[in-house]
Amino acid sequence: MKLMILGGKGQLGRDCTKVLNETHDVMSVDLDELDITDVSEVEAVAENFRADVIINCAAFTRVDDCETEQDLACKVNIEGPGNLAVAAQNQGAQLIHISTDYVFDGSKRVPDAYTEKDDPNPISYYGVTKLAAEKAIRRITDNHIILRTAWLYGIRGQNFLKTMLRLAMNDPKREIKVVSDQFGSPTWSYRLAQQIAKLIKSGGQGTYHATSEGYCTWYELATDFLDKMDVPHSFVPCTTEEYPTPATRPMNSILENQRLKELGLNLMEDWKTDLAEFVHRFRDRLINEVREGQT
């Protein structure tokens, strides 16, 4: 099967390329190589490669910047996926689009999780654009998978864990405030790539949630990660109100992988299990990246 991955240089895109290359013919491209906001360019590349599946890992994910750069957010997060849906429909290909917990408002009481049956209600412009993309894809092509995930981390690219590691290593005695009243499920990009591979093999369609099992706060994630890394730190819990940001975040980002479980397709592990495996595999590399100024 021929697969085209958009956002190939990002943390999920690279893990998808690594996992899917084992069993498929994969072409991986990034936003600097293909302008997904140009429908003619997208269609030309898709037609030339003749992809069976197009996987969109590309997005404008800087949540706070989406509030001030709304035109760019619309182009990348709405127009781009719409163009990919058109190209997929015209080529007879399936589109797999990565979406987010930010399509929900987070008003459910913890530990209640959001399922695929819950009505979206975004509270940030980033969430608005991601929901608009979902609607556009459903309108354009039936042959799609919309995969909502949350709190993604991996060895490639920048993410919350790498930021916390850098701050702790640069000054372990400095008190760093970390939000302790937002809840979600930290999700390893490599495990998500494996889940995508299983979905492709299953021939599934529609909307799915795919996050790690269990949940925690950002503070709990940061402290658990640094403890596993055996790196001294001085993190202190704080409230969302104490750490204001331009974009409003959902207080509850817990997603339930209901459809994956109903269909016997769920591969996602407990978040602590995956975090331990991540640290086991990459501790030395992560430490060296900080020392060399790469993180």
C-alpha atoms as a PDB file:
ATOM      1  CA  MET A   1       0.000   0.000   0.000  1.00  0.00           C
ATOM      2  CA  LYS A   2       1.240   3.519  -0.838  1.00  0.00           C
ATOM      3  CA  LEU A   3       1.020   6.080   1.962  1.00  0.00           C
ATOM      4  CA  MET A   4       1.678   9.836   1.818  1.00  0.00           C
ATOM      5  CA  ILE A   5       2.440  11.501   5.163  1.00  0.00           C
ATOM      6  CA  LEU A   6       2.067  15.275   5.563  1.00  0.00           C
ATOM      7  CA  GLY A   7       3.992  16.918   8.387  1.00  0.00           C
ATOM      8  CA  GLY A   8       6.736  14.352   8.007  1.00  0.00           C
ATOM      9  CA  LYS A   9       9.308  16.306  10.024  1.00  0.00           C
ATOM     10  CA  GLY A  10       7.136  16.638  13.136  1.00  0.00           C
ATOM     11  CA  GLN A  11       7.219  14.284  16.116  1.00  0.00           C
ATOM     12  CA  LEU A  12       4.181  12.248  15.027  1.00  0.00           C
ATOM     13  CA  GLY A  13       5.010  12.436  11.316  1.00  0.00           C
ATOM     14  CA  ARG A  14       8.473  11.000  11.863  1.00  0.00           C
ATOM     15  CA  ASP A  15       7.196   8.203  14.067  1.00  0.00           C
ATOM     16  CA  CYS A  16       4.489   7.396  11.511  1.00  0.00           C
ATOM     17  CA  THR A  17       7.140   7.255   8.800  1.00  0.00           C
ATOM     18  CA  LYS A  18       9.293   4.928  10.920  1.00  0.00           C
ATOM     19  CA  VAL A  19       6.445   2.575  11.830  1.00  0.00           C
ATOM     20  CA  LEU A  20       4.648   2.494   8.477  1.00  0.00           C
ATOM     21  CA  ASN A  21       7.823   2.141   6.395  1.00  0.00           C
ATOM     22  CA  GLU A  22       8.109  -1.388   7.767  1.00  0.00           C
ATOM     23  CA  THR A  23       5.085  -2.617   5.800  1.00  0.00           C
ATOM     24  CA  HIS A  24       4.188   0.083   3.264  1.00  0.00           C
ATOM     25  CA  ASP A  25       5.623   2.301   0.519  1.00  0.00           C
ATOM     26  CA  VAL A  26       5.786   5.675   2.296  1.00  0.00           C
ATOM     27  CA  MET A  27       6.374   9.177   0.954  1.00  0.00           C
ATOM     28  CA  SER A  28       6.896  11.690   3.763  1.00  0.00           C
ATOM     29  CA  VAL A  29       6.707  15.434   3.059  1.00  0.00           C
ATOM     30  CA  ASP A  30       6.655  18.510   5.264  1.00  0.00           C
ATOM     31  CA  LEU A  31       5.018  21.933   5.000  1.00  0.00           C
ATOM     32  CA  ASP A  32       8.201  23.451   3.561  1.00  0.00           C
ATOM     33  CA  GLU A  33       8.068  20.869   0.755  1.00  0.00           C
ATOM     34  CA  LEU A  34       4.344  20.923  -0.029  1.00  0.00           C
ATOM     35  CA  ASP A  35       1.990  23.864   0.451  1.00  0.00           C
ATOM     36  CA  ILE A  36      -1.194  22.158   1.626  1.00  0.00           C
ATOM     37  CA  THR A  37      -3.056  25.473   1.292  1.00  0.00           C
ATOM     38  CA  ASP A  38      -2.581  25.238  -2.513  1.00  0.00           C
ATOM     39  CA  VAL A  39      -5.172  22.735  -3.735  1.00  0.00           C
ATOM     40  CA  SER A  40      -3.644  22.356  -7.210  1.00  0.00           C
ATOM     41  CA  GLU A  41      -0.214  21.591  -5.729  1.00  0.00           C
ATOM     42  CA  VAL A  42      -1.708  19.063  -3.320  1.00  0.00           C
ATOM     43  CA  GLU A  43      -3.651  17.316  -6.083  1.00  0.00           C
ATOM     44  CA  ALA A  44      -0.609  17.205  -8.372  1.00  0.00           C
ATOM     45  CA  VAL A  45       1.582  15.548  -5.728  1.00  0.00           C
ATOM     46  CA  ALA A  46      -1.143  13.100  -4.711  1.00  0.00           C
ATOM     47  CA  GLU A  47      -1.834  12.145  -8.331  1.00  0.00           C
ATOM     48  CA  ASN A  48       1.856  11.687  -9.107  1.00  0.00           C
ATOM     49  CA  PHE A  49       2.442   9.427  -6.091  1.00  0.00           C
ATOM     50  CA  ARG A  50      -0.937   7.660  -6.403  1.00  0.00           C
ATOM     51  CA  ALA A  51      -1.339   7.259  -2.658  1.00  0.00           C
ATOM     52  CA  ASP A  52      -3.810   4.769  -1.230  1.00  0.00           C
ATOM     53  CA  VAL A  53      -3.821   6.622   2.099  1.00  0.00           C
ATOM     54  CA  ILE A  54      -2.994  10.264   2.899  1.00  0.00           C
ATOM     55  CA  ILE A  55      -2.062  10.893   6.541  1.00  0.00           C
ATOM     56  CA  ASN A  56      -2.227  14.505   7.703  1.00  0.00           C
ATOM     57  CA  CYS A  57       0.038  15.137  10.700  1.00  0.00           C
ATOM     58  CA  ALA A  58       0.577  18.770   9.641  1.00  0.00           C
ATOM     59  CA  ALA A  59      -0.988  21.569  11.684  1.00  0.00           C
ATOM     60  CA  PHE A  60      -0.408  24.981  13.209  1.00  0.00           C
ATOM     61  CA  THR A  61      -0.277  23.706  16.791  1.00  0.00           C
ATOM     62  CA  ARG A  62       1.065  26.738  18.683  1.00  0.00           C
ATOM     63  CA  VAL A  63      -2.184  27.204  20.557  1.00  0.00           C
ATOM     64  CA  ASP A  64      -1.504  30.702  21.896  1.00  0.00           C
ATOM     65  CA  ASP A  65      -0.216  31.979  18.540  1.00  0.00           C
ATOM     66  CA  CYS A  66      -3.447  30.819  16.891  1.00  0.00           C
ATOM     67  CA  GLU A  67      -5.242  33.536  18.862  1.00  0.00           C
ATOM     68  CA  THR A  68      -3.177  36.306  17.207  1.00  0.00           C
ATOM     69  CA  GLU A  69      -2.346  34.651  13.857  1.00  0.00           C
ATOM     70  CA  GLN A  70      -5.855  33.577  12.951  1.00  0.00           C
ATOM     71  CA  ASP A  71      -5.438  33.879   9.172  1.00  0.00           C
ATOM     72  CA  LEU A  72      -2.463  31.512   9.220  1.00  0.00           C
ATOM     73  CA  ALA A  73      -4.280  29.151  11.574  1.00  0.00           C
ATOM     74  CA  CYS A  74      -7.239  29.035   9.170  1.00  0.00           C
ATOM     75  CA  LYS A  75      -5.052  28.364   6.153  1.00  0.00           C
ATOM     76  CA  VAL A  76      -3.046  25.548   7.716  1.00  0.00           C
ATOM     77  CA  ASN A  77      -5.680  23.996   9.988  1.00  0.00           C
ATOM     78  CA  ILE A  78      -8.830  24.365   7.841  1.00  0.00           C
ATOM     79  CA  GLU A  79      -7.964  25.031   4.183  1.00  0.00           C
ATOM     80  CA  GLY A  80      -5.080  22.548   4.205  1.00  0.00           C
ATOM     81  CA  PRO A  81      -7.069  19.543   5.467  1.00  0.00           C
ATOM     82  CA  GLY A  82      -9.918  20.486   3.128  1.00  0.00           C
ATOM     83  CA  ASN A  83      -7.532  20.409   0.168  1.00  0.00           C
ATOM     84  CA  LEU A  84      -6.185  17.045   1.271  1.00  0.00           C
ATOM     85  CA  ALA A  85      -9.746  15.730   1.498  1.00  0.00           C
ATOM     86  CA  VAL A  86     -10.437  16.899  -2.073  1.00  0.00           C
ATOM     87  CA  ALA A  87      -7.235  15.250  -3.305  1.00  0.00           C
ATOM     88  CA  ALA A  88      -8.043  12.024  -1.464  1.00  0.00           C
ATOM     89  CA  GLN A  89     -11.585  11.967  -2.844  1.00  0.00           C
ATOM     90  CA  ASN A  90     -10.374  12.547  -6.411  1.00  0.00           C
ATOM     91  CA  GLN A  91      -7.687   9.861  -6.092  1.00  0.00           C
ATOM     92  CA  GLY A  92      -9.914   7.305  -4.401  1.00  0.00           C
ATOM     93  CA  ALA A  93      -7.608   7.438  -1.366  1.00  0.00           C
ATOM     94  CA  GLN A  94      -8.412   7.440   2.326  1.00  0.00           C
ATOM     95  CA  LEU A  95      -7.590  10.534   4.394  1.00  0.00           C
ATOM     96  CA  ILE A  96      -6.398  10.094   7.978  1.00  0.00           C
ATOM     97  CA  HIS A  97      -6.501  13.431   9.800  1.00  0.00           C
ATOM     98  CA  ILE A  98      -5.053  14.058  13.264  1.00  0.00           C
ATOM     99  CA  SER A  99      -7.360  16.131  15.452  1.00  0.00           C
ATOM    100  CA  THR A 100      -7.330  17.144  19.095  1.00  0.00           C
ATOM    101  CA  ASP A 101      -8.894  17.228  22.542  1.00  0.00           C
ATOM    102  CA  TYR A 102      -9.220  21.000  22.028  1.00  0.00           C
ATOM    103  CA  VAL A 103     -12.456  20.478  20.078  1.00  0.00           C
ATOM    104  CA  PHE A 104     -14.072  19.985  23.519  1.00  0.00           C
ATOM    105  CA  ASP A 105     -14.603  22.653  26.178  1.00  0.00           C
ATOM    106  CA  GLY A 106     -13.283  20.554  29.074  1.00  0.00           C
ATOM    107  CA  SER A 107     -16.301  21.242  31.278  1.00  0.00           C
ATOM    108  CA  LYS A 108     -16.908  17.593  32.207  1.00  0.00           C
ATOM    109  CA  ARG A 109     -16.134  16.753  35.801  1.00  0.00           C
ATOM    110  CA  VAL A 110     -12.920  14.725  36.209  1.00  0.00           C
ATOM    111  CA  PRO A 111     -12.614  11.719  35.878  1.00  0.00           C
ATOM    112  CA  ASP A 112     -15.420  11.692  33.280  1.00  0.00           C
ATOM    113  CA  ALA A 113     -13.870  11.348  29.817  1.00  0.00           C
ATOM    114  CA  TYR A 114     -14.985  12.589  26.410  1.00  0.00           C
ATOM    115  CA  THR A 115     -16.097   9.944  23.908  1.00  0.00           C
ATOM    116  CA  GLU A 116     -16.637  10.174  20.174  1.00  0.00           C
ATOM    117  CA  LYS A 117     -20.360  10.640  20.892  1.00  0.00           C
ATOM    118  CA  ASP A 118     -19.885  13.884  22.849  1.00  0.00           C
ATOM    119  CA  ASP A 119     -20.668  17.171  21.120  1.00  0.00           C
ATOM    120  CA  PRO A 120     -17.599  19.356  20.477  1.00  0.00           C
ATOM    121  CA  ASN A 121     -17.532  22.896  21.840  1.00  0.00           C
ATOM    122  CA  PRO A 122     -14.095  24.501  21.396  1.00  0.00           C
ATOM    123  CA  ILE A 123     -13.047  27.376  23.671  1.00  0.00           C
ATOM    124  CA  SER A 124      -9.878  28.453  21.816  1.00  0.00           C
ATOM    125  CA  TYR A 125      -9.294  29.545  18.235  1.00  0.00           C
ATOM    126  CA  TYR A 126      -7.021  26.550  17.730  1.00  0.00           C
ATOM    127  CA  GLY A 127      -9.906  24.302  18.741  1.00  0.00           C
ATOM    128  CA  VAL A 128     -12.258  26.209  16.437  1.00  0.00           C
ATOM    129  CA  THR A 129      -9.976  25.590  13.449  1.00  0.00           C
ATOM    130  CA  LYS A 130      -9.516  21.913  14.240  1.00  0.00           C
ATOM    131  CA  LEU A 131     -13.271  21.366  14.543  1.00  0.00           C
ATOM    132  CA  ALA A 132     -13.851  23.240  11.281  1.00  0.00           C
ATOM    133  CA  ALA A 133     -11.356  20.899   9.599  1.00  0.00           C
ATOM    134  CA  GLU A 134     -13.227  17.858  10.902  1.00  0.00           C
ATOM    135  CA  LYS A 135     -16.488  19.188   9.475  1.00  0.00           C
ATOM    136  CA  ALA A 136     -14.889  19.990   6.110  1.00  0.00           C
ATOM    137  CA  ILE A 137     -13.409  16.504   5.812  1.00  0.00           C
ATOM    138  CA  ARG A 138     -16.728  14.817   6.624  1.00  0.00           C
ATOM    139  CA  ARG A 139     -18.457  16.998   4.046  1.00  0.00           C
ATOM    140  CA  ILE A 140     -15.942  16.254   1.266  1.00  0.00           C
ATOM    141  CA  THR A 141     -15.200  12.539   1.627  1.00  0.00           C
ATOM    142  CA  ASP A 142     -16.733   9.560   3.402  1.00  0.00           C
ATOM    143  CA  ASN A 143     -13.458   7.631   3.177  1.00  0.00           C
ATOM    144  CA  HIS A 144     -11.730   9.231   6.135  1.00  0.00           C
ATOM    145  CA  ILE A 145     -10.446   8.645   9.645  1.00  0.00           C
ATOM    146  CA  ILE A 146     -10.446  11.558  12.080  1.00  0.00           C
ATOM    147  CA  LEU A 147      -8.194  10.639  14.983  1.00  0.00           C
ATOM    148  CA  ARG A 148      -8.398  12.826  18.075  1.00  0.00           C
ATOM    149  CA  THR A 149      -5.449  12.667  20.434  1.00  0.00           C
ATOM    150  CA  ALA A 150      -4.022  14.770  23.273  1.00  0.00           C
ATOM    151  CA  TRP A 151      -0.911  15.770  25.224  1.00  0.00           C
ATOM    152  CA  LEU A 152       1.431  14.340  22.599  1.00  0.00           C
ATOM    153  CA  TYR A 153       5.138  13.816  23.271  1.00  0.00           C
ATOM    154  CA  GLY A 154       7.971  12.048  21.458  1.00  0.00           C
ATOM    155  CA  ILE A 155      11.702  11.985  20.852  1.00  0.00           C
ATOM    156  CA  ARG A 156      11.522  14.293  17.843  1.00  0.00           C
ATOM    157  CA  GLY A 157      10.475  17.926  17.773  1.00  0.00           C
ATOM    158  CA  GLN A 158       9.618  20.128  20.734  1.00  0.00           C
ATOM    159  CA  ASN A 159       7.129  19.227  23.443  1.00  0.00           C
ATOM    160  CA  PHE A 160       6.233  19.768  27.094  1.00  0.00           C
ATOM    161  CA  LEU A 161       8.545  17.058  28.421  1.00  0.00           C
ATOM    162  CA  LYS A 162      11.594  18.443  26.649  1.00  0.00           C
ATOM    163  CA  THR A 163      10.814  21.933  27.920  1.00  0.00           C
ATOM    164  CA  MET A 164      10.547  20.696  31.508  1.00  0.00           C
ATOM    165  CA  LEU A 165      13.810  18.765  31.170  1.00  0.00           C
ATOM    166  CA  ARG A 166      15.648  21.793  29.803  1.00  0.00           C
ATOM    167  CA  LEU A 167      14.369  24.067  32.580  1.00  0.00           C
ATOM    168  CA  ALA A 168      15.326  21.573  35.287  1.00  0.00           C
ATOM    169  CA  MET A 169      18.790  20.869  33.891  1.00  0.00           C
ATOM    170  CA  ASN A 170      19.592  24.541  33.361  1.00  0.00           C
ATOM    171  CA  ASP A 171      18.751  25.457  36.972  1.00  0.00           C
ATOM    172  CA  PRO A 172      17.581  22.584  39.212  1.00  0.00           C
ATOM    173  CA  LYS A 173      17.073  24.881  42.229  1.00  0.00           C
ATOM    174  CA  ARG A 174      14.859  27.363  40.396  1.00  0.00           C
ATOM    175  CA  GLU A 175      11.191  27.021  41.297  1.00  0.00           C
ATOM    176  CA  ILE A 176       9.144  26.329  38.168  1.00  0.00           C
ATOM    177  CA  LYS A 177       5.373  26.662  38.392  1.00  0.00           C
ATOM    178  CA  VAL A 178       3.501  23.873  36.609  1.00  0.00           C
ATOM    179  CA  VAL A 179      -0.280  23.802  36.214  1.00  0.00           C
ATOM    180  CA  SER A 180      -1.934  21.247  38.493  1.00  0.00           C
ATOM    181  CA  ASP A 181      -5.647  21.671  37.747  1.00  0.00           C
ATOM    182  CA  GLN A 182      -5.768  20.658  34.067  1.00  0.00           C
ATOM    183  CA  PHE A 183      -6.189  16.931  33.399  1.00  0.00           C
ATOM    184  CA  GLY A 184      -5.324  14.830  30.367  1.00  0.00           C
ATOM    185  CA  SER A 185      -3.698  11.663  29.062  1.00  0.00           C
ATOM    186  CA  PRO A 186      -0.034  12.035  27.997  1.00  0.00           C
ATOM    187  CA  THR A 187       0.330  10.177  24.696  1.00  0.00           C
ATOM    188  CA  TRP A 188       3.552   8.833  23.155  1.00  0.00           C
ATOM    189  CA  SER A 189       3.736   9.650  19.446  1.00  0.00           C
ATOM    190  CA  TYR A 190       5.360   6.280  18.686  1.00  0.00           C
ATOM    191  CA  ARG A 191       2.449   4.382  20.270  1.00  0.00           C
ATOM    192  CA  LEU A 192      -0.008   6.556  18.352  1.00  0.00           C
ATOM    193  CA  ALA A 193       1.827   5.737  15.109  1.00  0.00           C
ATOM    194  CA  GLN A 194       1.383   2.038  15.888  1.00  0.00           C
ATOM    195  CA  GLN A 195      -2.327   2.670  16.484  1.00  0.00           C
ATOM    196  CA  ILE A 196      -2.589   4.409  13.108  1.00  0.00           C
ATOM    197  CA  ALA A 197      -0.944   1.404  11.440  1.00  0.00           C
ATOM    198  CA  LYS A 198      -3.519  -0.917  13.027  1.00  0.00           C
ATOM    199  CA  LEU A 199      -6.393   1.313  11.911  1.00  0.00           C
ATOM    200  CA  ILE A 200      -5.108   1.298   8.335  1.00  0.00           C
ATOM    201  CA  LYS A 201      -4.891  -2.497   8.388  1.00  0.00           C
ATOM    202  CA  SER A 202      -8.426  -2.751   9.798  1.00  0.00           C
ATOM    203  CA  GLY A 203      -9.958  -0.692   6.985  1.00  0.00           C
ATOM    204  CA  GLY A 204     -11.829   1.426   9.504  1.00  0.00           C
ATOM    205  CA  GLN A 205     -13.521   4.758   8.841  1.00  0.00           C
ATOM    206  CA  GLY A 206     -14.997   7.571  10.916  1.00  0.00           C
ATOM    207  CA  THR A 207     -13.973   9.374  14.100  1.00  0.00           C
ATOM    208  CA  TYR A 208     -11.844   7.768  16.802  1.00  0.00           C
ATOM    209  CA  HIS A 209     -10.187   8.862  20.038  1.00  0.00           C
ATOM    210  CA  ALA A 210      -6.644   7.597  20.635  1.00  0.00           C
ATOM    211  CA  THR A 211      -4.811   8.601  23.801  1.00  0.00           C
ATOM    212  CA  SER A 212      -2.970   6.704  26.508  1.00  0.00           C
ATOM    213  CA  GLU A 213      -5.019   5.079  29.247  1.00  0.00           C
ATOM    214  CA  GLY A 214      -5.297   6.895  32.572  1.00  0.00           C
ATOM    215  CA  TYR A 215      -4.855  10.595  33.254  1.00  0.00           C
ATOM    216  CA  CYS A 216      -2.839  13.114  35.254  1.00  0.00           C
ATOM    217  CA  THR A 217      -2.151  16.843  35.563  1.00  0.00           C
ATOM    218  CA  TRP A 218       0.678  18.727  33.870  1.00  0.00           C
ATOM    219  CA  TYR A 219       2.389  18.961  37.264  1.00  0.00           C
ATOM    220  CA  GLU A 220       2.113  15.212  37.840  1.00  0.00           C
ATOM    221  CA  LEU A 221       3.447  14.539  34.349  1.00  0.00           C
ATOM    222  CA  ALA A 222       6.423  16.863  34.800  1.00  0.00           C
ATOM    223  CA  THR A 223       7.416  15.459  38.191  1.00  0.00           C
ATOM    224  CA  ASP A 224       6.936  11.827  37.156  1.00  0.00           C
ATOM    225  CA  PHE A 225       9.020  12.372  34.015  1.00  0.00           C
ATOM    226  CA  LEU A 226      11.907  14.109  35.793  1.00  0.00           C
ATOM    227  CA  ASP A 227      11.871  11.507  38.576  1.00  0.00           C
ATOM    228  CA  LYS A 228      12.106   8.734  35.980  1.00  0.00           C
ATOM    229  CA  MET A 229      14.909  10.670  34.251  1.00  0.00           C
ATOM    230  CA  ASP A 230      16.687  10.949  37.637  1.00  0.00           C
ATOM    231  CA  VAL A 231      17.088  14.702  37.136  1.00  0.00           C
ATOM    232  CA  PRO A 232      16.743  17.064  40.144  1.00  0.00           C
ATOM    233  CA  HIS A 233      13.968  19.639  39.842  1.00  0.00           C
ATOM    234  CA  SER A 234      12.076  22.248  41.842  1.00  0.00           C
ATOM    235  CA  PHE A 235       8.617  22.118  40.276  1.00  0.00           C
ATOM    236  CA  VAL A 236       5.763  23.608  42.281  1.00  0.00           C
ATOM    237  CA  PRO A 237       2.051  23.181  41.508  1.00  0.00           C
ATOM    238  CA  CYS A 238      -0.029  26.170  40.470  1.00  0.00           C
ATOM    239  CA  THR A 239      -3.543  26.837  39.216  1.00  0.00           C
ATOM    240  CA  THR A 240      -4.524  27.786  35.690  1.00  0.00           C
ATOM    241  CA  GLU A 241      -5.529  31.174  37.071  1.00  0.00           C
ATOM    242  CA  GLU A 242      -1.978  31.680  38.346  1.00  0.00           C
ATOM    243  CA  TYR A 243      -0.539  30.878  34.909  1.00  0.00           C
ATOM    244  CA  PRO A 244      -2.619  32.881  32.395  1.00  0.00           C
ATOM    245  CA  THR A 245      -2.173  32.267  28.656  1.00  0.00           C
ATOM    246  CA  PRO A 246      -3.657  33.964  25.560  1.00  0.00           C
ATOM    247  CA  ALA A 247      -5.642  30.830  24.656  1.00  0.00           C
ATOM    248  CA  THR A 248      -8.081  29.213  27.065  1.00  0.00           C
ATOM    249  CA  ARG A 249      -7.226  25.572  27.763  1.00  0.00           C
ATOM    250  CA  PRO A 250      -9.728  22.793  28.530  1.00  0.00           C
ATOM    251  CA  MET A 251      -9.592  21.873  32.223  1.00  0.00           C
ATOM    252  CA  ASN A 252     -10.504  18.288  31.352  1.00  0.00           C
ATOM    253  CA  SER A 253      -8.826  16.852  28.246  1.00  0.00           C
ATOM    254  CA  ILE A 254      -9.399  13.194  29.109  1.00  0.00           C
ATOM    255  CA  LEU A 255     -10.486  11.238  26.029  1.00  0.00           C
ATOM    256  CA  GLU A 256     -11.950   7.726  26.104  1.00  0.00           C
ATOM    257  CA  ASN A 257     -10.901   5.404  23.241  1.00  0.00           C
ATOM    258  CA  GLN A 258     -14.433   4.048  23.094  1.00  0.00           C
ATOM    259  CA  ARG A 259     -14.671   3.102  19.411  1.00  0.00           C
ATOM    260  CA  LEU A 260     -11.218   1.497  19.329  1.00  0.00           C
ATOM    261  CA  LYS A 261     -12.184  -0.669  22.298  1.00  0.00           C
ATOM    262  CA  GLU A 262     -15.598  -1.590  20.895  1.00  0.00           C
ATOM    263  CA  LEU A 263     -13.931  -2.759  17.667  1.00  0.00           C
ATOM    264  CA  GLY A 264     -11.091  -4.585  19.419  1.00  0.00           C
ATOM    265  CA  LEU A 265      -8.500  -2.233  17.918  1.00  0.00           C
ATOM    266  CA  ASN A 266      -7.169  -0.371  20.956  1.00  0.00           C
ATOM    267  CA  LEU A 267      -3.369  -0.568  21.289  1.00  0.00           C
ATOM    268  CA  MET A 268      -2.908   2.364  23.642  1.00  0.00           C
ATOM    269  CA  GLU A 269      -1.064   1.648  26.907  1.00  0.00           C
ATOM    270  CA  ASP A 270      -1.300   3.269  30.333  1.00  0.00           C
ATOM    271  CA  TRP A 271       0.442   6.633  30.254  1.00  0.00           C
ATOM    272  CA  LYS A 272       2.879   5.683  33.034  1.00  0.00           C
ATOM    273  CA  THR A 273       3.861   2.476  31.225  1.00  0.00           C
ATOM    274  CA  ASP A 274       4.620   4.320  28.004  1.00  0.00           C
ATOM    275  CA  LEU A 275       6.434   7.145  29.778  1.00  0.00           C
ATOM    276  CA  ALA A 276       8.691   4.615  31.511  1.00  0.00           C
ATOM    277  CA  GLU A 277       9.446   2.933  28.178  1.00  0.00           C
ATOM    278  CA  PHE A 278      10.114   6.312  26.562  1.00  0.00           C
ATOM    279  CA  VAL A 279      12.624   7.223  29.279  1.00  0.00           C
ATOM    280  CA  HIS A 280      14.241   3.769  29.112  1.00  0.00           C
ATOM    281  CA  ARG A 281      14.815   4.136  25.378  1.00  0.00           C
ATOM    282  CA  PHE A 282      15.780   7.775  25.141  1.00  0.00           C
ATOM    283  CA  ARG A 283      17.138   9.051  28.471  1.00  0.00           C
ATOM    284  CA  ASP A 284      20.727   9.497  27.289  1.00  0.00           C
ATOM    285  CA  ARG A 285      19.661  11.098  24.033  1.00  0.00           C
ATOM    286  CA  LEU A 286      17.344  13.534  25.804  1.00  0.00           C
ATOM    287  CA  ILE A 287      20.075  14.536  28.270  1.00  0.00           C
ATOM    288  CA  ASN A 288      22.598  15.048  25.476  1.00  0.00           C
ATOM    289  CA  GLU A 289      20.167  17.176  23.465  1.00  0.00           C
ATOM    290  CA  VAL A 290      19.803  19.586  26.384  1.00  0.00           C
ATOM    291  CA  ARG A 291      23.557  19.703  26.970  1.00  0.00           C
ATOM    292  CA  GLU A 292      24.162  20.429  23.294  1.00  0.00           C
ATOM    293  CA  GLY A 293      21.454  23.095  23.176  1.00  0.00           C
ATOM    294  CA  GLN A 294      19.181  21.155  20.818  1.00  0.00           C
ATOM    295  CA  THR A 295      16.140  21.306  23.119  1.00  0.00           C
END
